[in-house]
Protein backbone atom coordinates (compact mmCIF):
# COMPACT_ATOMS: atom_id res chain seq x y z
CA UNK A 1 0.00 0.00 0.00
CA UNK A 2 1.25 3.47 -0.77
CA UNK A 3 0.50 6.74 1.00
CA UNK A 4 -0.89 5.20 4.17
CA UNK A 5 0.02 5.40 7.81
CA UNK A 6 -0.96 3.77 11.07
CA UNK A 7 -3.40 5.84 13.15
CA UNK A 8 -1.66 8.86 14.66
CA UNK A 9 1.51 8.45 12.58
CA UNK A 10 1.98 11.41 10.20
CA UNK A 11 2.91 10.57 6.63
CA UNK A 12 6.55 11.27 5.75
CA UNK A 13 7.37 12.02 2.12
CA UNK A 14 10.70 11.54 0.39
CA UNK A 15 12.01 15.05 -0.38
CA UNK A 16 13.97 13.65 -3.33
CA UNK A 17 11.22 11.93 -5.30
CA UNK A 18 7.92 12.35 -3.41
CA UNK A 19 6.59 8.91 -2.43
CA UNK A 20 5.69 8.11 1.16
CA UNK A 21 8.37 6.70 3.44
CA UNK A 22 7.24 3.69 5.45
CA UNK A 23 7.32 4.37 9.19
CA UNK A 24 5.97 1.99 11.80
CA UNK A 25 4.55 3.02 15.18
CA UNK A 26 7.54 1.55 17.05
CA UNK A 27 10.11 3.44 14.93
CA UNK A 28 11.69 6.08 17.16
CA UNK A 29 14.47 8.64 17.18
CA UNK A 30 17.53 7.44 15.25
CA UNK A 31 15.63 4.75 13.34
CA UNK A 32 16.69 4.36 9.69
CA UNK A 33 14.09 4.71 6.91
CA UNK A 34 14.56 4.16 3.19
CA UNK A 35 12.67 5.41 0.16
CA UNK A 36 11.58 2.36 -1.80
CA UNK A 37 11.46 4.44 -4.98
CA UNK A 38 14.87 6.21 -5.10
CA UNK A 39 16.70 4.23 -2.35
CA UNK A 40 17.58 7.36 -0.32
CA UNK A 41 18.37 6.74 3.36
CA UNK A 42 16.92 8.79 6.23
CA UNK A 43 17.18 8.93 10.01
CA UNK A 44 14.25 9.90 12.23
CA UNK A 45 15.08 13.05 14.19
CA UNK A 46 12.94 14.86 16.79
CA UNK A 47 11.41 18.27 16.08
CA UNK A 48 8.82 20.42 17.83
CA UNK A 49 6.19 18.82 15.58
CA UNK A 50 7.33 15.23 16.21
CA UNK A 51 9.75 13.02 14.33
CA UNK A 52 10.85 13.91 10.81
CA UNK A 53 12.94 12.04 8.26
CA UNK A 54 16.35 13.65 7.81
CA UNK A 55 18.30 12.61 4.68
CA UNK A 56 21.64 10.98 5.46
CA UNK A 57 23.10 11.18 1.95
CA UNK A 58 23.44 7.39 1.87
CA UNK A 59 21.53 4.93 -0.30
CA UNK A 60 19.79 1.79 0.91
CA UNK A 61 20.82 -1.61 -0.37
CA UNK A 62 18.43 -4.29 -1.62
CA UNK A 63 17.73 -5.72 1.85
CA UNK A 64 16.93 -2.21 3.21
CA UNK A 65 14.27 -1.72 0.52
CA UNK A 66 12.34 -4.97 1.02
CA UNK A 67 8.75 -4.44 2.15
CA UNK A 68 8.13 -6.03 5.53
CA UNK A 69 4.89 -6.76 7.34
CA UNK A 70 4.16 -4.34 10.19
CA UNK A 71 3.80 -7.01 12.89
CA UNK A 72 2.83 -4.51 15.58
CA UNK A 73 -0.01 -3.11 13.48
CA UNK A 74 -1.21 -6.59 12.51
CA UNK A 75 -1.28 -7.69 16.17
CA UNK A 76 -3.26 -4.58 17.18
CA UNK A 77 -5.77 -5.11 14.34
CA UNK A 78 -6.23 -8.77 15.26
CA UNK A 79 -6.79 -7.84 18.92
CA UNK A 80 -9.40 -5.24 17.89
CA UNK A 81 -11.12 -7.76 15.63
CA UNK A 82 -11.07 -10.39 18.37
CA UNK A 83 -12.58 -7.87 20.81
CA UNK A 84 -15.58 -7.50 18.48
CA UNK A 85 -16.37 -11.17 19.13
CA UNK A 86 -17.86 -11.56 15.66
CA UNK A 87 -17.43 -15.28 15.96
CA UNK A 88 -20.43 -15.39 18.32
CA UNK A 89 -22.84 -13.93 15.75
CA UNK A 90 -25.26 -16.46 14.29
CA UNK A 91 -24.68 -17.45 10.68
CA UNK A 92 -27.38 -16.40 8.24
CA UNK A 93 -28.87 -19.13 6.15
CA UNK A 94 -30.53 -18.67 2.79
CA UNK A 95 -34.31 -18.75 3.03
PDB file of N, CA and C in Angstrom:
ATOM      1  N   UNK A   1       0.851  -1.173   0.000  1.00  0.00           N
ATOM      2  CA  UNK A   1       0.000   0.000   0.000  1.00  0.00           C
ATOM      3  C   UNK A   1       0.896   1.234   0.000  1.00  0.00           C
ATOM      4  N   UNK A   2       0.492   2.217  -0.712  1.00  0.00           N
ATOM      5  CA  UNK A   2       1.253   3.474  -0.766  1.00  0.00           C
ATOM      6  C   UNK A   2       0.438   4.581  -0.115  1.00  0.00           C
ATOM      7  N   UNK A   3       1.132   5.565   0.409  1.00  0.00           N
ATOM      8  CA  UNK A   3       0.505   6.745   0.997  1.00  0.00           C
ATOM      9  C   UNK A   3      -0.461   6.404   2.115  1.00  0.00           C
ATOM     10  N   UNK A   4      -0.069   5.511   3.015  1.00  0.00           N
ATOM     11  CA  UNK A   4      -0.890   5.204   4.174  1.00  0.00           C
ATOM     12  C   UNK A   4      -0.035   5.313   5.418  1.00  0.00           C
ATOM     13  N   UNK A   5      -0.695   5.346   6.545  1.00  0.00           N
ATOM     14  CA  UNK A   5       0.019   5.402   7.808  1.00  0.00           C
ATOM     15  C   UNK A   5      -0.867   4.785   8.876  1.00  0.00           C
ATOM     16  N   UNK A   6      -0.239   4.259   9.909  1.00  0.00           N
ATOM     17  CA  UNK A   6      -0.959   3.769  11.066  1.00  0.00           C
ATOM     18  C   UNK A   6      -1.617   4.975  11.742  1.00  0.00           C
ATOM     19  N   UNK A   7      -2.685   4.757  12.476  1.00  0.00           N
ATOM     20  CA  UNK A   7      -3.403   5.841  13.148  1.00  0.00           C
ATOM     21  C   UNK A   7      -2.447   6.654  14.021  1.00  0.00           C
ATOM     22  N   UNK A   8      -2.481   7.968  13.851  1.00  0.00           N
ATOM     23  CA  UNK A   8      -1.662   8.862  14.656  1.00  0.00           C
ATOM     24  C   UNK A   8      -0.223   9.010  14.192  1.00  0.00           C
ATOM     25  N   UNK A   9       0.151   8.341  13.109  1.00  0.00           N
ATOM     26  CA  UNK A   9       1.509   8.450  12.580  1.00  0.00           C
ATOM     27  C   UNK A   9       1.453   9.325  11.329  1.00  0.00           C
ATOM     28  N   UNK A  10       2.018  10.534  11.382  1.00  0.00           N
ATOM     29  CA  UNK A  10       1.979  11.409  10.203  1.00  0.00           C
ATOM     30  C   UNK A  10       2.734  10.792   9.026  1.00  0.00           C
ATOM     31  N   UNK A  11       2.233  11.034   7.836  1.00  0.00           N
ATOM     32  CA  UNK A  11       2.911  10.568   6.628  1.00  0.00           C
ATOM     33  C   UNK A  11       4.215  11.340   6.452  1.00  0.00           C
ATOM     34  N   UNK A  12       5.255  10.653   6.033  1.00  0.00           N
ATOM     35  CA  UNK A  12       6.553  11.271   5.750  1.00  0.00           C
ATOM     36  C   UNK A  12       6.843  11.049   4.273  1.00  0.00           C
ATOM     37  N   UNK A  13       7.079  12.127   3.547  1.00  0.00           N
ATOM     38  CA  UNK A  13       7.368  12.017   2.121  1.00  0.00           C
ATOM     39  C   UNK A  13       8.854  12.137   1.853  1.00  0.00           C
ATOM     40  N   UNK A  14       9.312  11.427   0.824  1.00  0.00           N
ATOM     41  CA  UNK A  14      10.700  11.535   0.389  1.00  0.00           C
ATOM     42  C   UNK A  14      10.889  12.900  -0.270  1.00  0.00           C
ATOM     43  N   UNK A  15      11.795  13.744   0.231  1.00  0.00           N
ATOM     44  CA  UNK A  15      12.009  15.054  -0.377  1.00  0.00           C
ATOM     45  C   UNK A  15      12.706  14.977  -1.733  1.00  0.00           C
ATOM     46  N   UNK A  16      13.254  13.809  -2.067  1.00  0.00           N
ATOM     47  CA  UNK A  16      13.965  13.649  -3.328  1.00  0.00           C
ATOM     48  C   UNK A  16      13.033  13.282  -4.477  1.00  0.00           C
ATOM     49  N   UNK A  17      12.060  12.405  -4.193  1.00  0.00           N
ATOM     50  CA  UNK A  17      11.219  11.928  -5.300  1.00  0.00           C
ATOM     51  C   UNK A  17       9.724  11.938  -4.983  1.00  0.00           C
ATOM     52  N   UNK A  18       9.326  12.156  -3.723  1.00  0.00           N
ATOM     53  CA  UNK A  18       7.921  12.349  -3.408  1.00  0.00           C
ATOM     54  C   UNK A  18       7.142  11.227  -2.757  1.00  0.00           C
ATOM     55  N   UNK A  19       7.424   9.953  -3.045  1.00  0.00           N
ATOM     56  CA  UNK A  19       6.591   8.912  -2.430  1.00  0.00           C
ATOM     57  C   UNK A  19       6.704   8.875  -0.906  1.00  0.00           C
ATOM     58  N   UNK A  20       5.745   8.222  -0.289  1.00  0.00           N
ATOM     59  CA  UNK A  20       5.686   8.113   1.162  1.00  0.00           C
ATOM     60  C   UNK A  20       6.744   7.150   1.688  1.00  0.00           C
ATOM     61  N   UNK A  21       7.430   7.574   2.740  1.00  0.00           N
ATOM     62  CA  UNK A  21       8.373   6.704   3.439  1.00  0.00           C
ATOM     63  C   UNK A  21       7.583   5.845   4.424  1.00  0.00           C
ATOM     64  N   UNK A  22       7.942   4.603   4.550  1.00  0.00           N
ATOM     65  CA  UNK A  22       7.236   3.695   5.446  1.00  0.00           C
ATOM     66  C   UNK A  22       7.803   3.841   6.851  1.00  0.00           C
ATOM     67  N   UNK A  23       6.939   4.231   7.781  1.00  0.00           N
ATOM     68  CA  UNK A  23       7.318   4.367   9.193  1.00  0.00           C
ATOM     69  C   UNK A  23       6.322   3.583  10.028  1.00  0.00           C
ATOM     70  N   UNK A  24       6.821   2.761  10.905  1.00  0.00           N
ATOM     71  CA  UNK A  24       5.973   1.989  11.802  1.00  0.00           C
ATOM     72  C   UNK A  24       5.854   2.695  13.145  1.00  0.00           C
ATOM     73  N   UNK A  25       4.809   2.377  13.889  1.00  0.00           N
ATOM     74  CA  UNK A  25       4.550   3.020  15.180  1.00  0.00           C
ATOM     75  C   UNK A  25       5.747   2.900  16.131  1.00  0.00           C
ATOM     76  N   UNK A  26       6.422   1.772  16.125  1.00  0.00           N
ATOM     77  CA  UNK A  26       7.535   1.548  17.054  1.00  0.00           C
ATOM     78  C   UNK A  26       8.847   2.191  16.609  1.00  0.00           C
ATOM     79  N   UNK A  27       8.893   2.778  15.417  1.00  0.00           N
ATOM     80  CA  UNK A  27      10.109   3.442  14.935  1.00  0.00           C
ATOM     81  C   UNK A  27      10.299   4.749  15.699  1.00  0.00           C
ATOM     82  N   UNK A  28      11.434   4.889  16.358  1.00  0.00           N
ATOM     83  CA  UNK A  28      11.688   6.079  17.158  1.00  0.00           C
ATOM     84  C   UNK A  28      12.900   6.850  16.677  1.00  0.00           C
ATOM     85  N   UNK A  29      13.317   7.789  17.496  1.00  0.00           N
ATOM     86  CA  UNK A  29      14.471   8.642  17.178  1.00  0.00           C
ATOM     87  C   UNK A  29      15.679   7.786  16.813  1.00  0.00           C
ATOM     88  N   UNK A  30      16.334   8.139  15.711  1.00  0.00           N
ATOM     89  CA  UNK A  30      17.529   7.440  15.254  1.00  0.00           C
ATOM     90  C   UNK A  30      17.246   6.258  14.337  1.00  0.00           C
ATOM     91  N   UNK A  31      15.973   5.888  14.204  1.00  0.00           N
ATOM     92  CA  UNK A  31      15.627   4.747  13.343  1.00  0.00           C
ATOM     93  C   UNK A  31      15.891   5.103  11.874  1.00  0.00           C
ATOM     94  N   UNK A  32      16.412   4.159  11.119  1.00  0.00           N
ATOM     95  CA  UNK A  32      16.689   4.364   9.694  1.00  0.00           C
ATOM     96  C   UNK A  32      15.444   4.048   8.862  1.00  0.00           C
ATOM     97  N   UNK A  33      15.164   4.915   7.894  1.00  0.00           N
ATOM     98  CA  UNK A  33      14.093   4.713   6.913  1.00  0.00           C
ATOM     99  C   UNK A  33      14.708   4.797   5.531  1.00  0.00           C
ATOM    100  N   UNK A  34      14.067   4.146   4.569  1.00  0.00           N
ATOM    101  CA  UNK A  34      14.565   4.163   3.194  1.00  0.00           C
ATOM    102  C   UNK A  34      13.412   4.404   2.238  1.00  0.00           C
ATOM    103  N   UNK A  35      13.653   5.205   1.211  1.00  0.00           N
ATOM    104  CA  UNK A  35      12.669   5.413   0.161  1.00  0.00           C
ATOM    105  C   UNK A  35      12.724   4.209  -0.773  1.00  0.00           C
ATOM    106  N   UNK A  36      11.608   3.547  -0.948  1.00  0.00           N
ATOM    107  CA  UNK A  36      11.581   2.361  -1.801  1.00  0.00           C
ATOM    108  C   UNK A  36      11.532   2.719  -3.282  1.00  0.00           C
ATOM    109  N   UNK A  37      11.467   4.003  -3.579  1.00  0.00           N
ATOM    110  CA  UNK A  37      11.464   4.439  -4.976  1.00  0.00           C
ATOM    111  C   UNK A  37      12.868   4.842  -5.438  1.00  0.00           C
ATOM    112  N   UNK A  38      13.545   5.714  -4.676  1.00  0.00           N
ATOM    113  CA  UNK A  38      14.868   6.207  -5.105  1.00  0.00           C
ATOM    114  C   UNK A  38      16.014   5.659  -4.257  1.00  0.00           C
ATOM    115  N   UNK A  39      15.724   4.876  -3.227  1.00  0.00           N
ATOM    116  CA  UNK A  39      16.703   4.230  -2.346  1.00  0.00           C
ATOM    117  C   UNK A  39      17.386   5.169  -1.357  1.00  0.00           C
ATOM    118  N   UNK A  40      16.959   6.421  -1.264  1.00  0.00           N
ATOM    119  CA  UNK A  40      17.578   7.362  -0.322  1.00  0.00           C
ATOM    120  C   UNK A  40      17.382   6.891   1.116  1.00  0.00           C
ATOM    121  N   UNK A  41      18.415   7.119   1.950  1.00  0.00           N
ATOM    122  CA  UNK A  41      18.375   6.742   3.359  1.00  0.00           C
ATOM    123  C   UNK A  41      18.061   7.967   4.217  1.00  0.00           C
ATOM    124  N   UNK A  42      17.333   7.737   5.310  1.00  0.00           N
ATOM    125  CA  UNK A  42      16.916   8.792   6.233  1.00  0.00           C
ATOM    126  C   UNK A  42      17.074   8.293   7.656  1.00  0.00           C
ATOM    127  N   UNK A  43      17.189   9.234   8.584  1.00  0.00           N
ATOM    128  CA  UNK A  43      17.176   8.933  10.006  1.00  0.00           C
ATOM    129  C   UNK A  43      16.060   9.757  10.632  1.00  0.00           C
ATOM    130  N   UNK A  44      15.298   9.153  11.538  1.00  0.00           N
ATOM    131  CA  UNK A  44      14.247   9.896  12.227  1.00  0.00           C
ATOM    132  C   UNK A  44      14.877  10.783  13.293  1.00  0.00           C
ATOM    133  N   UNK A  45      14.555  12.077  13.228  1.00  0.00           N
ATOM    134  CA  UNK A  45      15.082  13.051  14.192  1.00  0.00           C
ATOM    135  C   UNK A  45      13.906  13.796  14.829  1.00  0.00           C
ATOM    136  N   UNK A  46      14.035  14.152  16.116  1.00  0.00           N
ATOM    137  CA  UNK A  46      12.944  14.857  16.793  1.00  0.00           C
ATOM    138  C   UNK A  46      12.881  16.330  16.389  1.00  0.00           C
ATOM    139  N   UNK A  47      11.661  16.843  16.299  1.00  0.00           N
ATOM    140  CA  UNK A  47      11.410  18.270  16.075  1.00  0.00           C
ATOM    141  C   UNK A  47      10.282  18.683  17.018  1.00  0.00           C
ATOM    142  N   UNK A  48       9.936  19.948  17.012  1.00  0.00           N
ATOM    143  CA  UNK A  48       8.821  20.424  17.834  1.00  0.00           C
ATOM    144  C   UNK A  48       7.491  19.805  17.391  1.00  0.00           C
ATOM    145  N   UNK A  49       7.408  19.405  16.127  1.00  0.00           N
ATOM    146  CA  UNK A  49       6.188  18.821  15.581  1.00  0.00           C
ATOM    147  C   UNK A  49       6.210  17.291  15.597  1.00  0.00           C
ATOM    148  N   UNK A  50       7.210  16.684  16.196  1.00  0.00           N
ATOM    149  CA  UNK A  50       7.335  15.232  16.212  1.00  0.00           C
ATOM    150  C   UNK A  50       8.561  14.802  15.433  1.00  0.00           C
ATOM    151  N   UNK A  51       8.604  13.536  15.075  1.00  0.00           N
ATOM    152  CA  UNK A  51       9.749  13.020  14.331  1.00  0.00           C
ATOM    153  C   UNK A  51       9.659  13.381  12.859  1.00  0.00           C
ATOM    154  N   UNK A  52      10.807  13.681  12.260  1.00  0.00           N
ATOM    155  CA  UNK A  52      10.854  13.911  10.814  1.00  0.00           C
ATOM    156  C   UNK A  52      11.998  13.094  10.238  1.00  0.00           C
ATOM    157  N   UNK A  53      11.912  12.826   8.947  1.00  0.00           N
ATOM    158  CA  UNK A  53      12.936  12.044   8.262  1.00  0.00           C
ATOM    159  C   UNK A  53      14.017  12.985   7.734  1.00  0.00           C
ATOM    160  N   UNK A  54      15.218  12.835   8.241  1.00  0.00           N
ATOM    161  CA  UNK A  54      16.353  13.652   7.807  1.00  0.00           C
ATOM    162  C   UNK A  54      17.214  12.836   6.850  1.00  0.00           C
ATOM    163  N   UNK A  55      17.450  13.346   5.634  1.00  0.00           N
ATOM    164  CA  UNK A  55      18.299  12.615   4.684  1.00  0.00           C
ATOM    165  C   UNK A  55      19.705  12.427   5.242  1.00  0.00           C
ATOM    166  N   UNK A  56      20.279  11.258   5.003  1.00  0.00           N
ATOM    167  CA  UNK A  56      21.640  10.981   5.464  1.00  0.00           C
ATOM    168  C   UNK A  56      22.658  11.122   4.338  1.00  0.00           C
ATOM    169  N   UNK A  57      22.199  11.149   3.091  1.00  0.00           N
ATOM    170  CA  UNK A  57      23.105  11.182   1.950  1.00  0.00           C
ATOM    171  C   UNK A  57      23.491   9.797   1.480  1.00  0.00           C
ATOM    172  N   UNK A  58      23.129   8.780   2.242  1.00  0.00           N
ATOM    173  CA  UNK A  58      23.437   7.393   1.866  1.00  0.00           C
ATOM    174  C   UNK A  58      22.296   6.815   1.023  1.00  0.00           C
ATOM    175  N   UNK A  59      22.544   5.654   0.475  1.00  0.00           N
ATOM    176  CA  UNK A  59      21.534   4.932  -0.295  1.00  0.00           C
ATOM    177  C   UNK A  59      21.326   3.570   0.362  1.00  0.00           C
ATOM    178  N   UNK A  60      20.095   3.106   0.365  1.00  0.00           N
ATOM    179  CA  UNK A  60      19.791   1.794   0.909  1.00  0.00           C
ATOM    180  C   UNK A  60      20.196   0.701  -0.057  1.00  0.00           C
ATOM    181  N   UNK A  61      20.524  -0.469   0.491  1.00  0.00           N
ATOM    182  CA  UNK A  61      20.819  -1.613  -0.369  1.00  0.00           C
ATOM    183  C   UNK A  61      19.533  -2.433  -0.545  1.00  0.00           C
ATOM    184  N   UNK A  62      19.615  -3.495  -1.293  1.00  0.00           N
ATOM    185  CA  UNK A  62      18.428  -4.288  -1.621  1.00  0.00           C
ATOM    186  C   UNK A  62      17.690  -4.763  -0.372  1.00  0.00           C
ATOM    187  N   UNK A  63      18.402  -5.217   0.650  1.00  0.00           N
ATOM    188  CA  UNK A  63      17.726  -5.715   1.853  1.00  0.00           C
ATOM    189  C   UNK A  63      17.051  -4.587   2.646  1.00  0.00           C
ATOM    190  N   UNK A  64      17.563  -3.350   2.538  1.00  0.00           N
ATOM    191  CA  UNK A  64      16.933  -2.209   3.205  1.00  0.00           C
ATOM    192  C   UNK A  64      15.596  -1.847   2.562  1.00  0.00           C
ATOM    193  N   UNK A  65      15.436  -2.163   1.288  1.00  0.00           N
ATOM    194  CA  UNK A  65      14.271  -1.721   0.523  1.00  0.00           C
ATOM    195  C   UNK A  65      13.147  -2.749   0.460  1.00  0.00           C
ATOM    196  N   UNK A  66      13.354  -3.919   1.049  1.00  0.00           N
ATOM    197  CA  UNK A  66      12.341  -4.969   1.021  1.00  0.00           C
ATOM    198  C   UNK A  66      11.155  -4.568   1.897  1.00  0.00           C
ATOM    199  N   UNK A  67       9.964  -4.709   1.366  1.00  0.00           N
ATOM    200  CA  UNK A  67       8.752  -4.437   2.151  1.00  0.00           C
ATOM    201  C   UNK A  67       8.590  -5.527   3.207  1.00  0.00           C
ATOM    202  N   UNK A  68       8.317  -5.100   4.424  1.00  0.00           N
ATOM    203  CA  UNK A  68       8.127  -6.032   5.530  1.00  0.00           C
ATOM    204  C   UNK A  68       6.747  -5.812   6.137  1.00  0.00           C
ATOM    205  N   UNK A  69       6.175  -6.870   6.660  1.00  0.00           N
ATOM    206  CA  UNK A  69       4.885  -6.758   7.342  1.00  0.00           C
ATOM    207  C   UNK A  69       5.077  -5.971   8.638  1.00  0.00           C
ATOM    208  N   UNK A  70       4.139  -5.089   8.939  1.00  0.00           N
ATOM    209  CA  UNK A  70       4.157  -4.336  10.192  1.00  0.00           C
ATOM    210  C   UNK A  70       3.509  -5.221  11.260  1.00  0.00           C
ATOM    211  N   UNK A  71       4.322  -6.034  11.925  1.00  0.00           N
ATOM    212  CA  UNK A  71       3.804  -7.008  12.887  1.00  0.00           C
ATOM    213  C   UNK A  71       3.040  -6.340  14.026  1.00  0.00           C
ATOM    214  N   UNK A  72       3.519  -5.213  14.501  1.00  0.00           N
ATOM    215  CA  UNK A  72       2.829  -4.506  15.582  1.00  0.00           C
ATOM    216  C   UNK A  72       1.430  -4.089  15.176  1.00  0.00           C
ATOM    217  N   UNK A  73       1.297  -3.524  13.986  1.00  0.00           N
ATOM    218  CA  UNK A  73      -0.015  -3.111  13.483  1.00  0.00           C
ATOM    219  C   UNK A  73      -0.922  -4.316  13.288  1.00  0.00           C
ATOM    220  N   UNK A  74      -0.395  -5.389  12.722  1.00  0.00           N
ATOM    221  CA  UNK A  74      -1.207  -6.588  12.510  1.00  0.00           C
ATOM    222  C   UNK A  74      -1.703  -7.166  13.839  1.00  0.00           C
ATOM    223  N   UNK A  75      -0.860  -7.185  14.856  1.00  0.00           N
ATOM    224  CA  UNK A  75      -1.283  -7.687  16.166  1.00  0.00           C
ATOM    225  C   UNK A  75      -2.371  -6.804  16.770  1.00  0.00           C
ATOM    226  N   UNK A  76      -2.229  -5.485  16.644  1.00  0.00           N
ATOM    227  CA  UNK A  76      -3.258  -4.583  17.178  1.00  0.00           C
ATOM    228  C   UNK A  76      -4.579  -4.767  16.440  1.00  0.00           C
ATOM    229  N   UNK A  77      -4.539  -4.907  15.117  1.00  0.00           N
ATOM    230  CA  UNK A  77      -5.766  -5.111  14.344  1.00  0.00           C
ATOM    231  C   UNK A  77      -6.441  -6.423  14.710  1.00  0.00           C
ATOM    232  N   UNK A  78      -5.654  -7.478  14.882  1.00  0.00           N
ATOM    233  CA  UNK A  78      -6.232  -8.774  15.261  1.00  0.00           C
ATOM    234  C   UNK A  78      -6.860  -8.700  16.656  1.00  0.00           C
ATOM    235  N   UNK A  79      -6.237  -7.984  17.571  1.00  0.00           N
ATOM    236  CA  UNK A  79      -6.794  -7.836  18.920  1.00  0.00           C
ATOM    237  C   UNK A  79      -8.112  -7.059  18.864  1.00  0.00           C
ATOM    238  N   UNK A  80      -8.161  -6.004  18.029  1.00  0.00           N
ATOM    239  CA  UNK A  80      -9.398  -5.243  17.887  1.00  0.00           C
ATOM    240  C   UNK A  80     -10.500  -6.108  17.268  1.00  0.00           C
ATOM    241  N   UNK A  81     -10.152  -6.873  16.269  1.00  0.00           N
ATOM    242  CA  UNK A  81     -11.122  -7.758  15.626  1.00  0.00           C
ATOM    243  C   UNK A  81     -11.611  -8.804  16.623  1.00  0.00           C
ATOM    244  N   UNK A  82     -10.697  -9.387  17.387  1.00  0.00           N
ATOM    245  CA  UNK A  82     -11.075 -10.390  18.372  1.00  0.00           C
ATOM    246  C   UNK A  82     -11.994  -9.786  19.428  1.00  0.00           C
ATOM    247  N   UNK A  83     -11.752  -8.534  19.803  1.00  0.00           N
ATOM    248  CA  UNK A  83     -12.583  -7.869  20.807  1.00  0.00           C
ATOM    249  C   UNK A  83     -14.021  -7.678  20.322  1.00  0.00           C
ATOM    250  N   UNK A  84     -14.219  -7.636  19.024  1.00  0.00           N
ATOM    251  CA  UNK A  84     -15.577  -7.495  18.478  1.00  0.00           C
ATOM    252  C   UNK A  84     -16.398  -8.767  18.668  1.00  0.00           C
ATOM    253  N   UNK A  85     -15.725  -9.873  18.908  1.00  0.00           N
ATOM    254  CA  UNK A  85     -16.367 -11.172  19.133  1.00  0.00           C
ATOM    255  C   UNK A  85     -17.360 -11.512  18.029  1.00  0.00           C
ATOM    256  N   UNK A  86     -16.979 -11.262  16.795  1.00  0.00           N
ATOM    257  CA  UNK A  86     -17.865 -11.559  15.664  1.00  0.00           C
ATOM    258  C   UNK A  86     -18.127 -13.046  15.515  1.00  0.00           C
ATOM    259  N   UNK A  87     -17.256 -13.845  16.071  1.00  0.00           N
ATOM    260  CA  UNK A  87     -17.425 -15.283  15.962  1.00  0.00           C
ATOM    261  C   UNK A  87     -18.662 -15.776  16.701  1.00  0.00           C
ATOM    262  N   UNK A  88     -19.242 -14.955  17.592  1.00  0.00           N
ATOM    263  CA  UNK A  88     -20.426 -15.392  18.319  1.00  0.00           C
ATOM    264  C   UNK A  88     -21.733 -15.041  17.597  1.00  0.00           C
ATOM    265  N   UNK A  89     -21.634 -14.288  16.498  1.00  0.00           N
ATOM    266  CA  UNK A  89     -22.845 -13.929  15.750  1.00  0.00           C
ATOM    267  C   UNK A  89     -23.376 -15.165  15.047  1.00  0.00           C
ATOM    268  N   UNK A  90     -24.691 -15.312  14.996  1.00  0.00           N
ATOM    269  CA  UNK A  90     -25.258 -16.458  14.285  1.00  0.00           C
ATOM    270  C   UNK A  90     -25.031 -16.334  12.782  1.00  0.00           C
ATOM    271  N   UNK A  91     -24.827 -17.443  12.127  1.00  0.00           N
ATOM    272  CA  UNK A  91     -24.684 -17.450  10.682  1.00  0.00           C
ATOM    273  C   UNK A  91     -26.048 -17.300  10.039  1.00  0.00           C
ATOM    274  N   UNK A  92     -26.117 -16.523   8.981  1.00  0.00           N
ATOM    275  CA  UNK A  92     -27.377 -16.397   8.237  1.00  0.00           C
ATOM    276  C   UNK A  92     -27.480 -17.552   7.257  1.00  0.00           C
ATOM    277  N   UNK A  93     -28.642 -18.071   7.141  1.00  0.00           N
ATOM    278  CA  UNK A  93     -28.873 -19.125   6.145  1.00  0.00           C
ATOM    279  C   UNK A  93     -29.830 -18.609   5.096  1.00  0.00           C
ATOM    280  N   UNK A  94     -29.652 -19.095   3.894  1.00  0.00           N
ATOM    281  CA  UNK A  94     -30.535 -18.670   2.793  1.00  0.00           C
ATOM    282  C   UNK A  94     -31.935 -19.186   3.044  1.00  0.00           C
ATOM    283  N   UNK A  95     -32.909 -18.350   2.806  1.00  0.00           N
ATOM    284  CA  UNK A  95     -34.309 -18.748   3.026  1.00  0.00           C
ATOM    285  C   UNK A  95     -34.900 -19.422   1.807  1.00  0.00           C
TER     286      UNK A  95
END
